[in-house]
Amino acid sequence: GMNPQETKALMQFIRDIRNRLDLTVLLIEHDMRVVMGIS
């Protein structure tokens, strides 16, 4: 449901919290730009 700008910002946010909080992240996603760009 996000627009391209919101999607891009959320992708960076997920990377940031992974690094800052030492998280492991598993995500379900239909947007291939997100999957291939972040995983």
PDB file of all heavy atoms in Angstrom:
ATOM      1  N   GLY A   1       0.782  -1.230   0.000  1.00  0.00           N
ATOM      2  CA  GLY A   1       0.000   0.000   0.000  1.00  0.00           C
ATOM      3  C   GLY A   1       0.810   1.275   0.000  1.00  0.00           C
ATOM      4  O   GLY A   1       0.226   2.372   0.026  1.00  0.00           O
ATOM      5  N   MET A   2       2.120   1.160  -0.020  1.00  0.00           N
ATOM      6  CA  MET A   2       2.961   2.366   0.021  1.00  0.00           C
ATOM      7  C   MET A   2       3.278   2.857  -1.384  1.00  0.00           C
ATOM      8  O   MET A   2       3.356   2.080  -2.333  1.00  0.00           O
ATOM      9  CB  MET A   2       4.273   2.070   0.760  1.00  0.00           C
ATOM     10  CG  MET A   2       4.127   1.873   2.239  1.00  0.00           C
ATOM     11  SD  MET A   2       5.747   1.752   3.050  1.00  0.00           S
ATOM     12  CE  MET A   2       5.250   1.777   4.767  1.00  0.00           C
ATOM     13  N   ASN A   3       3.484   4.172  -1.491  1.00  0.00           N
ATOM     14  CA  ASN A   3       3.932   4.731  -2.756  1.00  0.00           C
ATOM     15  C   ASN A   3       5.442   4.525  -2.881  1.00  0.00           C
ATOM     16  O   ASN A   3       6.105   4.114  -1.922  1.00  0.00           O
ATOM     17  CB  ASN A   3       3.540   6.210  -2.873  1.00  0.00           C
ATOM     18  CG  ASN A   3       4.181   7.079  -1.802  1.00  0.00           C
ATOM     19  OD1 ASN A   3       5.360   6.927  -1.485  1.00  0.00           O
ATOM     20  ND2 ASN A   3       3.415   7.996  -1.241  1.00  0.00           N
ATOM     21  N   PRO A   4       6.030   4.778  -4.060  1.00  0.00           N
ATOM     22  CA  PRO A   4       7.463   4.497  -4.262  1.00  0.00           C
ATOM     23  C   PRO A   4       8.374   5.219  -3.273  1.00  0.00           C
ATOM     24  O   PRO A   4       9.381   4.653  -2.830  1.00  0.00           O
ATOM     25  CB  PRO A   4       7.711   4.974  -5.698  1.00  0.00           C
ATOM     26  CG  PRO A   4       6.400   4.803  -6.380  1.00  0.00           C
ATOM     27  CD  PRO A   4       5.376   5.142  -5.334  1.00  0.00           C
ATOM     28  N   GLN A   5       8.046   6.463  -2.918  1.00  0.00           N
ATOM     29  CA  GLN A   5       8.881   7.206  -1.984  1.00  0.00           C
ATOM     30  C   GLN A   5       8.825   6.581  -0.591  1.00  0.00           C
ATOM     31  O   GLN A   5       9.856   6.424   0.083  1.00  0.00           O
ATOM     32  CB  GLN A   5       8.436   8.670  -1.923  1.00  0.00           C
ATOM     33  CG  GLN A   5       8.688   9.476  -3.187  1.00  0.00           C
ATOM     34  CD  GLN A   5       7.723   9.123  -4.331  1.00  0.00           C
ATOM     35  OE1 GLN A   5       6.596   8.697  -4.091  1.00  0.00           O
ATOM     36  NE2 GLN A   5       8.188   9.301  -5.558  1.00  0.00           N
ATOM     37  N   GLU A   6       7.621   6.201  -0.150  1.00  0.00           N
ATOM     38  CA  GLU A   6       7.470   5.556   1.156  1.00  0.00           C
ATOM     39  C   GLU A   6       8.184   4.205   1.171  1.00  0.00           C
ATOM     40  O   GLU A   6       8.817   3.837   2.164  1.00  0.00           O
ATOM     41  CB  GLU A   6       5.986   5.373   1.477  1.00  0.00           C
ATOM     42  CG  GLU A   6       5.231   6.657   1.766  1.00  0.00           C
ATOM     43  CD  GLU A   6       3.740   6.435   1.901  1.00  0.00           C
ATOM     44  OE1 GLU A   6       3.201   5.527   1.221  1.00  0.00           O
ATOM     45  OE2 GLU A   6       3.101   7.178   2.658  1.00  0.00           O
ATOM     46  N   THR A   7       8.087   3.481   0.053  1.00  0.00           N
ATOM     47  CA  THR A   7       8.745   2.174  -0.041  1.00  0.00           C
ATOM     48  C   THR A   7      10.253   2.305   0.076  1.00  0.00           C
ATOM     49  O   THR A   7      10.902   1.563   0.826  1.00  0.00           O
ATOM     50  CB  THR A   7       8.380   1.493  -1.374  1.00  0.00           C
ATOM     51  OG1 THR A   7       6.971   1.225  -1.393  1.00  0.00           O
ATOM     52  CG2 THR A   7       9.145   0.189  -1.539  1.00  0.00           C
ATOM     53  N   LYS A   8      10.824   3.263  -0.645  1.00  0.00           N
ATOM     54  CA  LYS A   8      12.270   3.473  -0.593  1.00  0.00           C
ATOM     55  C   LYS A   8      12.721   3.841   0.812  1.00  0.00           C
ATOM     56  O   LYS A   8      13.735   3.343   1.310  1.00  0.00           O
ATOM     57  CB  LYS A   8      12.662   4.574  -1.586  1.00  0.00           C
ATOM     58  CG  LYS A   8      14.161   4.793  -1.684  1.00  0.00           C
ATOM     59  CD  LYS A   8      14.490   5.843  -2.745  1.00  0.00           C
ATOM     60  CE  LYS A   8      15.994   6.074  -2.847  1.00  0.00           C
ATOM     61  NZ  LYS A   8      16.320   7.091  -3.885  1.00  0.00           N
ATOM     62  N   ALA A   9      11.948   4.711   1.471  1.00  0.00           N
ATOM     63  CA  ALA A   9      12.299   5.127   2.833  1.00  0.00           C
ATOM     64  C   ALA A   9      12.215   3.948   3.799  1.00  0.00           C
ATOM     65  O   ALA A   9      13.063   3.806   4.693  1.00  0.00           O
ATOM     66  CB  ALA A   9      11.376   6.259   3.282  1.00  0.00           C
ATOM     67  N   LEU A  10      11.213   3.095   3.632  1.00  0.00           N
ATOM     68  CA  LEU A  10      11.068   1.956   4.538  1.00  0.00           C
ATOM     69  C   LEU A  10      12.182   0.938   4.327  1.00  0.00           C
ATOM     70  O   LEU A  10      12.674   0.334   5.288  1.00  0.00           O
ATOM     71  CB  LEU A  10       9.704   1.290   4.365  1.00  0.00           C
ATOM     72  CG  LEU A  10       9.393   0.229   5.430  1.00  0.00           C
ATOM     73  CD1 LEU A  10       9.249   0.880   6.802  1.00  0.00           C
ATOM     74  CD2 LEU A  10       8.140  -0.553   5.094  1.00  0.00           C
ATOM     75  N   MET A  11      12.613   0.749   3.092  1.00  0.00           N
ATOM     76  CA  MET A  11      13.734  -0.154   2.833  1.00  0.00           C
ATOM     77  C   MET A  11      14.981   0.308   3.577  1.00  0.00           C
ATOM     78  O   MET A  11      15.676  -0.502   4.218  1.00  0.00           O
ATOM     79  CB  MET A  11      14.017  -0.221   1.335  1.00  0.00           C
ATOM     80  CG  MET A  11      12.978  -0.989   0.533  1.00  0.00           C
ATOM     81  SD  MET A  11      13.252  -0.856  -1.265  1.00  0.00           S
ATOM     82  CE  MET A  11      14.840  -1.683  -1.438  1.00  0.00           C
ATOM     83  N   GLN A  12      15.265   1.587   3.518  1.00  0.00           N
ATOM     84  CA  GLN A  12      16.434   2.110   4.225  1.00  0.00           C
ATOM     85  C   GLN A  12      16.253   1.982   5.724  1.00  0.00           C
ATOM     86  O   GLN A  12      17.197   1.660   6.456  1.00  0.00           O
ATOM     87  CB  GLN A  12      16.677   3.573   3.846  1.00  0.00           C
ATOM     88  CG  GLN A  12      17.957   4.150   4.447  1.00  0.00           C
ATOM     89  CD  GLN A  12      19.188   3.369   4.050  1.00  0.00           C
ATOM     90  OE1 GLN A  12      19.432   3.129   2.852  1.00  0.00           O
ATOM     91  NE2 GLN A  12      19.986   2.950   5.027  1.00  0.00           N
ATOM     92  N   PHE A  13      15.021   2.193   6.176  1.00  0.00           N
ATOM     93  CA  PHE A  13      14.721   2.062   7.604  1.00  0.00           C
ATOM     94  C   PHE A  13      14.974   0.641   8.095  1.00  0.00           C
ATOM     95  O   PHE A  13      15.543   0.425   9.169  1.00  0.00           O
ATOM     96  CB  PHE A  13      13.267   2.470   7.854  1.00  0.00           C
ATOM     97  CG  PHE A  13      12.759   2.126   9.217  1.00  0.00           C
ATOM     98  CD1 PHE A  13      13.249   2.779  10.342  1.00  0.00           C
ATOM     99  CD2 PHE A  13      11.796   1.148   9.390  1.00  0.00           C
ATOM    100  CE1 PHE A  13      12.778   2.459  11.611  1.00  0.00           C
ATOM    101  CE2 PHE A  13      11.323   0.824  10.648  1.00  0.00           C
ATOM    102  CZ  PHE A  13      11.820   1.481  11.759  1.00  0.00           C
ATOM    103  N   ILE A  14      14.567  -0.357   7.302  1.00  0.00           N
ATOM    104  CA  ILE A  14      14.784  -1.749   7.691  1.00  0.00           C
ATOM    105  C   ILE A  14      16.276  -2.052   7.789  1.00  0.00           C
ATOM    106  O   ILE A  14      16.726  -2.720   8.725  1.00  0.00           O
ATOM    107  CB  ILE A  14      14.079  -2.699   6.699  1.00  0.00           C
ATOM    108  CG1 ILE A  14      12.560  -2.560   6.834  1.00  0.00           C
ATOM    109  CG2 ILE A  14      14.490  -4.153   6.957  1.00  0.00           C
ATOM    110  CD1 ILE A  14      11.783  -3.291   5.752  1.00  0.00           C
ATOM    111  N   ARG A  15      17.046  -1.555   6.828  1.00  0.00           N
ATOM    112  CA  ARG A  15      18.506  -1.736   6.909  1.00  0.00           C
ATOM    113  C   ARG A  15      19.059  -1.085   8.174  1.00  0.00           C
ATOM    114  O   ARG A  15      19.920  -1.652   8.859  1.00  0.00           O
ATOM    115  CB  ARG A  15      19.177  -1.112   5.686  1.00  0.00           C
ATOM    116  CG  ARG A  15      18.908  -1.796   4.367  1.00  0.00           C
ATOM    117  CD  ARG A  15      19.804  -1.215   3.293  1.00  0.00           C
ATOM    118  NE  ARG A  15      19.419  -1.623   1.950  1.00  0.00           N
ATOM    119  CZ  ARG A  15      18.662  -0.905   1.130  1.00  0.00           C
ATOM    120  NH1 ARG A  15      18.232   0.294   1.508  1.00  0.00           N
ATOM    121  NH2 ARG A  15      18.359  -1.356  -0.065  1.00  0.00           N
ATOM    122  N   ASP A  16      18.576   0.112   8.462  1.00  0.00           N
ATOM    123  CA  ASP A  16      19.090   0.856   9.622  1.00  0.00           C
ATOM    124  C   ASP A  16      18.811   0.132  10.930  1.00  0.00           C
ATOM    125  O   ASP A  16      19.701   0.003  11.784  1.00  0.00           O
ATOM    126  CB  ASP A  16      18.485   2.259   9.665  1.00  0.00           C
ATOM    127  CG  ASP A  16      19.017   3.163   8.570  1.00  0.00           C
ATOM    128  OD1 ASP A  16      20.052   2.815   7.969  1.00  0.00           O
ATOM    129  OD2 ASP A  16      18.393   4.210   8.307  1.00  0.00           O
ATOM    130  N   ILE A  17      17.571  -0.352  11.109  1.00  0.00           N
ATOM    131  CA  ILE A  17      17.261  -1.008  12.384  1.00  0.00           C
ATOM    132  C   ILE A  17      17.973  -2.355  12.472  1.00  0.00           C
ATOM    133  O   ILE A  17      18.342  -2.788  13.564  1.00  0.00           O
ATOM    134  CB  ILE A  17      15.746  -1.166  12.619  1.00  0.00           C
ATOM    135  CG1 ILE A  17      15.081  -2.023  11.530  1.00  0.00           C
ATOM    136  CG2 ILE A  17      15.072   0.194  12.735  1.00  0.00           C
ATOM    137  CD1 ILE A  17      13.632  -2.360  11.836  1.00  0.00           C
ATOM    138  N   ARG A  18      18.178  -3.038  11.335  1.00  0.00           N
ATOM    139  CA  ARG A  18      18.969  -4.276  11.358  1.00  0.00           C
ATOM    140  C   ARG A  18      20.362  -4.003  11.907  1.00  0.00           C
ATOM    141  O   ARG A  18      20.867  -4.732  12.775  1.00  0.00           O
ATOM    142  CB  ARG A  18      19.037  -4.854   9.953  1.00  0.00           C
ATOM    143  CG  ARG A  18      19.743  -6.226   9.838  1.00  0.00           C
ATOM    144  CD  ARG A  18      21.255  -6.134   9.657  1.00  0.00           C
ATOM    145  NE  ARG A  18      21.629  -5.436   8.455  1.00  0.00           N
ATOM    146  CZ  ARG A  18      21.852  -6.050   7.278  1.00  0.00           C
ATOM    147  NH1 ARG A  18      21.722  -7.343   7.160  1.00  0.00           N
ATOM    148  NH2 ARG A  18      22.220  -5.315   6.229  1.00  0.00           N
ATOM    149  N   ASN A  19      20.979  -2.921  11.424  1.00  0.00           N
ATOM    150  CA  ASN A  19      22.340  -2.604  11.836  1.00  0.00           C
ATOM    151  C   ASN A  19      22.401  -2.058  13.257  1.00  0.00           C
ATOM    152  O   ASN A  19      23.265  -2.455  14.049  1.00  0.00           O
ATOM    153  CB  ASN A  19      22.952  -1.599  10.865  1.00  0.00           C
ATOM    154  CG  ASN A  19      23.128  -2.172   9.471  1.00  0.00           C
ATOM    155  OD1 ASN A  19      23.230  -3.381   9.298  1.00  0.00           O
ATOM    156  ND2 ASN A  19      23.132  -1.306   8.471  1.00  0.00           N
ATOM    157  N   ARG A  20      21.494  -1.175  13.600  1.00  0.00           N
ATOM    158  CA  ARG A  20      21.537  -0.528  14.910  1.00  0.00           C
ATOM    159  C   ARG A  20      21.134  -1.455  16.040  1.00  0.00           C
ATOM    160  O   ARG A  20      21.659  -1.360  17.153  1.00  0.00           O
ATOM    161  CB  ARG A  20      20.633   0.716  14.918  1.00  0.00           C
ATOM    162  CG  ARG A  20      21.121   1.832  13.999  1.00  0.00           C
ATOM    163  CD  ARG A  20      20.209   3.039  14.059  1.00  0.00           C
ATOM    164  NE  ARG A  20      20.149   3.628  15.399  1.00  0.00           N
ATOM    165  CZ  ARG A  20      19.452   4.717  15.682  1.00  0.00           C
ATOM    166  NH1 ARG A  20      18.760   5.338  14.726  1.00  0.00           N
ATOM    167  NH2 ARG A  20      19.440   5.208  16.907  1.00  0.00           N
ATOM    168  N   LEU A  21      20.198  -2.361  15.776  1.00  0.00           N
ATOM    169  CA  LEU A  21      19.682  -3.235  16.827  1.00  0.00           C
ATOM    170  C   LEU A  21      20.201  -4.667  16.722  1.00  0.00           C
ATOM    171  O   LEU A  21      19.794  -5.519  17.506  1.00  0.00           O
ATOM    172  CB  LEU A  21      18.145  -3.237  16.781  1.00  0.00           C
ATOM    173  CG  LEU A  21      17.472  -1.875  16.938  1.00  0.00           C
ATOM    174  CD1 LEU A  21      15.956  -2.023  16.845  1.00  0.00           C
ATOM    175  CD2 LEU A  21      17.862  -1.213  18.270  1.00  0.00           C
ATOM    176  N   ASP A  22      21.092  -4.921  15.748  1.00  0.00           N
ATOM    177  CA  ASP A  22      21.655  -6.259  15.558  1.00  0.00           C
ATOM    178  C   ASP A  22      20.545  -7.291  15.365  1.00  0.00           C
ATOM    179  O   ASP A  22      20.521  -8.345  15.998  1.00  0.00           O
ATOM    180  CB  ASP A  22      22.537  -6.641  16.745  1.00  0.00           C
ATOM    181  CG  ASP A  22      23.406  -7.861  16.441  1.00  0.00           C
ATOM    182  OD1 ASP A  22      23.656  -8.131  15.249  1.00  0.00           O
ATOM    183  OD2 ASP A  22      23.820  -8.546  17.402  1.00  0.00           O
ATOM    184  N   LEU A  23      19.618  -6.975  14.466  1.00  0.00           N
ATOM    185  CA  LEU A  23      18.478  -7.840  14.212  1.00  0.00           C
ATOM    186  C   LEU A  23      18.745  -8.790  13.055  1.00  0.00           C
ATOM    187  O   LEU A  23      19.579  -8.528  12.189  1.00  0.00           O
ATOM    188  CB  LEU A  23      17.251  -6.999  13.836  1.00  0.00           C
ATOM    189  CG  LEU A  23      16.553  -6.190  14.922  1.00  0.00           C
ATOM    190  CD1 LEU A  23      15.489  -5.305  14.278  1.00  0.00           C
ATOM    191  CD2 LEU A  23      15.927  -7.110  15.958  1.00  0.00           C
ATOM    192  N   THR A  24      18.012  -9.885  13.050  1.00  0.00           N
ATOM    193  CA  THR A  24      17.843 -10.703  11.864  1.00  0.00           C
ATOM    194  C   THR A  24      16.419 -10.449  11.381  1.00  0.00           C
ATOM    195  O   THR A  24      15.489 -10.407  12.193  1.00  0.00           O
ATOM    196  CB  THR A  24      18.044 -12.189  12.179  1.00  0.00           C
ATOM    197  OG1 THR A  24      19.349 -12.377  12.717  1.00  0.00           O
ATOM    198  CG2 THR A  24      17.868 -13.047  10.936  1.00  0.00           C
ATOM    199  N   VAL A  25      16.247 -10.256  10.079  1.00  0.00           N
ATOM    200  CA  VAL A  25      14.934  -9.894   9.535  1.00  0.00           C
ATOM    201  C   VAL A  25      14.522 -10.899   8.471  1.00  0.00           C
ATOM    202  O   VAL A  25      15.301 -11.220   7.572  1.00  0.00           O
ATOM    203  CB  VAL A  25      14.952  -8.473   8.919  1.00  0.00           C
ATOM    204  CG1 VAL A  25      13.580  -8.119   8.337  1.00  0.00           C
ATOM    205  CG2 VAL A  25      15.374  -7.442   9.956  1.00  0.00           C
ATOM    206  N   LEU A  26      13.309 -11.407   8.593  1.00  0.00           N
ATOM    207  CA  LEU A  26      12.700 -12.240   7.558  1.00  0.00           C
ATOM    208  C   LEU A  26      11.447 -11.534   7.094  1.00  0.00           C
ATOM    209  O   LEU A  26      10.559 -11.240   7.906  1.00  0.00           O
ATOM    210  CB  LEU A  26      12.362 -13.633   8.100  1.00  0.00           C
ATOM    211  CG  LEU A  26      11.626 -14.575   7.142  1.00  0.00           C
ATOM    212  CD1 LEU A  26      12.474 -14.877   5.905  1.00  0.00           C
ATOM    213  CD2 LEU A  26      11.239 -15.878   7.850  1.00  0.00           C
ATOM    214  N   LEU A  27      11.370 -11.229   5.800  1.00  0.00           N
ATOM    215  CA  LEU A  27      10.217 -10.479   5.312  1.00  0.00           C
ATOM    216  C   LEU A  27       9.536 -11.166   4.151  1.00  0.00           C
ATOM    217  O   LEU A  27      10.184 -11.735   3.271  1.00  0.00           O
ATOM    218  CB  LEU A  27      10.609  -9.051   4.938  1.00  0.00           C
ATOM    219  CG  LEU A  27      11.629  -8.791   3.836  1.00  0.00           C
ATOM    220  CD1 LEU A  27      10.932  -8.602   2.497  1.00  0.00           C
ATOM    221  CD2 LEU A  27      12.458  -7.564   4.159  1.00  0.00           C
ATOM    222  N   ILE A  28       8.206 -11.147   4.193  1.00  0.00           N
ATOM    223  CA  ILE A  28       7.378 -11.541   3.064  1.00  0.00           C
ATOM    224  C   ILE A  28       7.122 -10.290   2.251  1.00  0.00           C
ATOM    225  O   ILE A  28       6.753  -9.247   2.802  1.00  0.00           O
ATOM    226  CB  ILE A  28       6.032 -12.129   3.534  1.00  0.00           C
ATOM    227  CG1 ILE A  28       6.239 -13.439   4.303  1.00  0.00           C
ATOM    228  CG2 ILE A  28       5.099 -12.349   2.348  1.00  0.00           C
ATOM    229  CD1 ILE A  28       4.965 -13.960   4.949  1.00  0.00           C
ATOM    230  N   GLU A  29       7.313 -10.388   0.961  1.00  0.00           N
ATOM    231  CA  GLU A  29       7.129  -9.182   0.141  1.00  0.00           C
ATOM    232  C   GLU A  29       6.814  -9.583  -1.296  1.00  0.00           C
ATOM    233  O   GLU A  29       7.438 -10.496  -1.835  1.00  0.00           O
ATOM    234  CB  GLU A  29       8.407  -8.323   0.203  1.00  0.00           C
ATOM    235  CG  GLU A  29       8.309  -6.973  -0.423  1.00  0.00           C
ATOM    236  CD  GLU A  29       7.127  -6.168   0.044  1.00  0.00           C
ATOM    237  OE1 GLU A  29       7.132  -5.684   1.184  1.00  0.00           O
ATOM    238  OE2 GLU A  29       6.190  -6.034  -0.763  1.00  0.00           O
ATOM    239  N   HIS A  30       5.833  -8.914  -1.895  1.00  0.00           N
ATOM    240  CA  HIS A  30       5.486  -9.165  -3.290  1.00  0.00           C
ATOM    241  C   HIS A  30       6.200  -8.213  -4.241  1.00  0.00           C
ATOM    242  O   HIS A  30       6.273  -8.487  -5.442  1.00  0.00           O
ATOM    243  CB  HIS A  30       3.968  -9.047  -3.487  1.00  0.00           C
ATOM    244  CG  HIS A  30       3.210 -10.225  -2.966  1.00  0.00           C
ATOM    245  ND1 HIS A  30       3.299 -11.486  -3.534  1.00  0.00           N
ATOM    246  CD2 HIS A  30       2.353 -10.359  -1.924  1.00  0.00           C
ATOM    247  CE1 HIS A  30       2.516 -12.327  -2.875  1.00  0.00           C
ATOM    248  NE2 HIS A  30       1.935 -11.663  -1.891  1.00  0.00           N
ATOM    249  N   ASP A  31       6.691  -7.102  -3.723  1.00  0.00           N
ATOM    250  CA  ASP A  31       7.387  -6.127  -4.564  1.00  0.00           C
ATOM    251  C   ASP A  31       8.817  -6.609  -4.781  1.00  0.00           C
ATOM    252  O   ASP A  31       9.646  -6.582  -3.876  1.00  0.00           O
ATOM    253  CB  ASP A  31       7.375  -4.758  -3.882  1.00  0.00           C
ATOM    254  CG  ASP A  31       7.901  -3.645  -4.777  1.00  0.00           C
ATOM    255  OD1 ASP A  31       8.728  -3.925  -5.669  1.00  0.00           O
ATOM    256  OD2 ASP A  31       7.508  -2.482  -4.572  1.00  0.00           O
ATOM    257  N   MET A  32       9.116  -7.057  -5.989  1.00  0.00           N
ATOM    258  CA  MET A  32      10.426  -7.615  -6.274  1.00  0.00           C
ATOM    259  C   MET A  32      11.544  -6.581  -6.148  1.00  0.00           C
ATOM    260  O   MET A  32      12.694  -6.919  -5.869  1.00  0.00           O
ATOM    261  CB  MET A  32      10.460  -8.221  -7.673  1.00  0.00           C
ATOM    262  CG  MET A  32       9.646  -9.486  -7.813  1.00  0.00           C
ATOM    263  SD  MET A  32      10.201 -10.791  -6.682  1.00  0.00           S
ATOM    264  CE  MET A  32       8.703 -11.066  -5.748  1.00  0.00           C
ATOM    265  N   ARG A  33      11.220  -5.320  -6.349  1.00  0.00           N
ATOM    266  CA  ARG A  33      12.233  -4.280  -6.174  1.00  0.00           C
ATOM    267  C   ARG A  33      12.696  -4.242  -4.728  1.00  0.00           C
ATOM    268  O   ARG A  33      13.873  -4.030  -4.441  1.00  0.00           O
ATOM    269  CB  ARG A  33      11.661  -2.922  -6.583  1.00  0.00           C
ATOM    270  CG  ARG A  33      11.401  -2.782  -8.076  1.00  0.00           C
ATOM    271  CD  ARG A  33      10.562  -1.572  -8.383  1.00  0.00           C
ATOM    272  NE  ARG A  33       9.236  -1.676  -7.779  1.00  0.00           N
ATOM    273  CZ  ARG A  33       8.264  -0.793  -7.945  1.00  0.00           C
ATOM    274  NH1 ARG A  33       8.468   0.278  -8.683  1.00  0.00           N
ATOM    275  NH2 ARG A  33       7.079  -0.974  -7.378  1.00  0.00           N
ATOM    276  N   VAL A  34      11.771  -4.457  -3.804  1.00  0.00           N
ATOM    277  CA  VAL A  34      12.126  -4.486  -2.389  1.00  0.00           C
ATOM    278  C   VAL A  34      12.942  -5.729  -2.074  1.00  0.00           C
ATOM    279  O   VAL A  34      14.018  -5.655  -1.468  1.00  0.00           O
ATOM    280  CB  VAL A  34      10.856  -4.433  -1.507  1.00  0.00           C
ATOM    281  CG1 VAL A  34      11.220  -4.604  -0.033  1.00  0.00           C
ATOM    282  CG2 VAL A  34      10.103  -3.125  -1.725  1.00  0.00           C
ATOM    283  N   VAL A  35      12.431  -6.893  -2.492  1.00  0.00           N
ATOM    284  CA  VAL A  35      13.096  -8.161  -2.182  1.00  0.00           C
ATOM    285  C   VAL A  35      14.521  -8.188  -2.714  1.00  0.00           C
ATOM    286  O   VAL A  35      15.475  -8.495  -1.992  1.00  0.00           O
ATOM    287  CB  VAL A  35      12.291  -9.345  -2.762  1.00  0.00           C
ATOM    288  CG1 VAL A  35      13.061 -10.651  -2.573  1.00  0.00           C
ATOM    289  CG2 VAL A  35      10.932  -9.435  -2.100  1.00  0.00           C
ATOM    290  N   MET A  36      14.669  -7.842  -3.991  1.00  0.00           N
ATOM    291  CA  MET A  36      15.985  -7.932  -4.605  1.00  0.00           C
ATOM    292  C   MET A  36      16.910  -6.803  -4.162  1.00  0.00           C
ATOM    293  O   MET A  36      18.130  -6.939  -4.202  1.00  0.00           O
ATOM    294  CB  MET A  36      15.851  -7.926  -6.136  1.00  0.00           C
ATOM    295  CG  MET A  36      15.031  -9.082  -6.679  1.00  0.00           C
ATOM    296  SD  MET A  36      15.693 -10.703  -6.188  1.00  0.00           S
ATOM    297  CE  MET A  36      14.389 -11.794  -6.778  1.00  0.00           C
ATOM    298  N   GLY A  37      16.326  -5.711  -3.699  1.00  0.00           N
ATOM    299  CA  GLY A  37      17.141  -4.576  -3.295  1.00  0.00           C
ATOM    300  C   GLY A  37      17.616  -4.606  -1.864  1.00  0.00           C
ATOM    301  O   GLY A  37      18.596  -3.941  -1.519  1.00  0.00           O
ATOM    302  N   ILE A  38      16.953  -5.410  -1.032  1.00  0.00           N
ATOM    303  CA  ILE A  38      17.268  -5.351   0.399  1.00  0.00           C
ATOM    304  C   ILE A  38      17.774  -6.671   0.960  1.00  0.00           C
ATOM    305  O   ILE A  38      18.446  -6.699   1.994  1.00  0.00           O
ATOM    306  CB  ILE A  38      16.019  -4.887   1.194  1.00  0.00           C
ATOM    307  CG1 ILE A  38      16.407  -4.405   2.587  1.00  0.00           C
ATOM    308  CG2 ILE A  38      14.980  -6.001   1.276  1.00  0.00           C
ATOM    309  CD1 ILE A  38      15.256  -3.804   3.362  1.00  0.00           C
ATOM    310  N   SER A  39      17.486  -7.783   0.298  1.00  0.00           N
ATOM    311  CA  SER A  39      17.733  -9.103   0.898  1.00  0.00           C
ATOM    312  C   SER A  39      19.167  -9.585   0.701  1.00  0.00           C
ATOM    313  O   SER A  39      19.765  -9.389  -0.357  1.00  0.00           O
ATOM    314  CB  SER A  39      16.782 -10.145   0.293  1.00  0.00           C
ATOM    315  OG  SER A  39      15.432  -9.794   0.489  1.00  0.00           O
TER     316      SER A  39
END
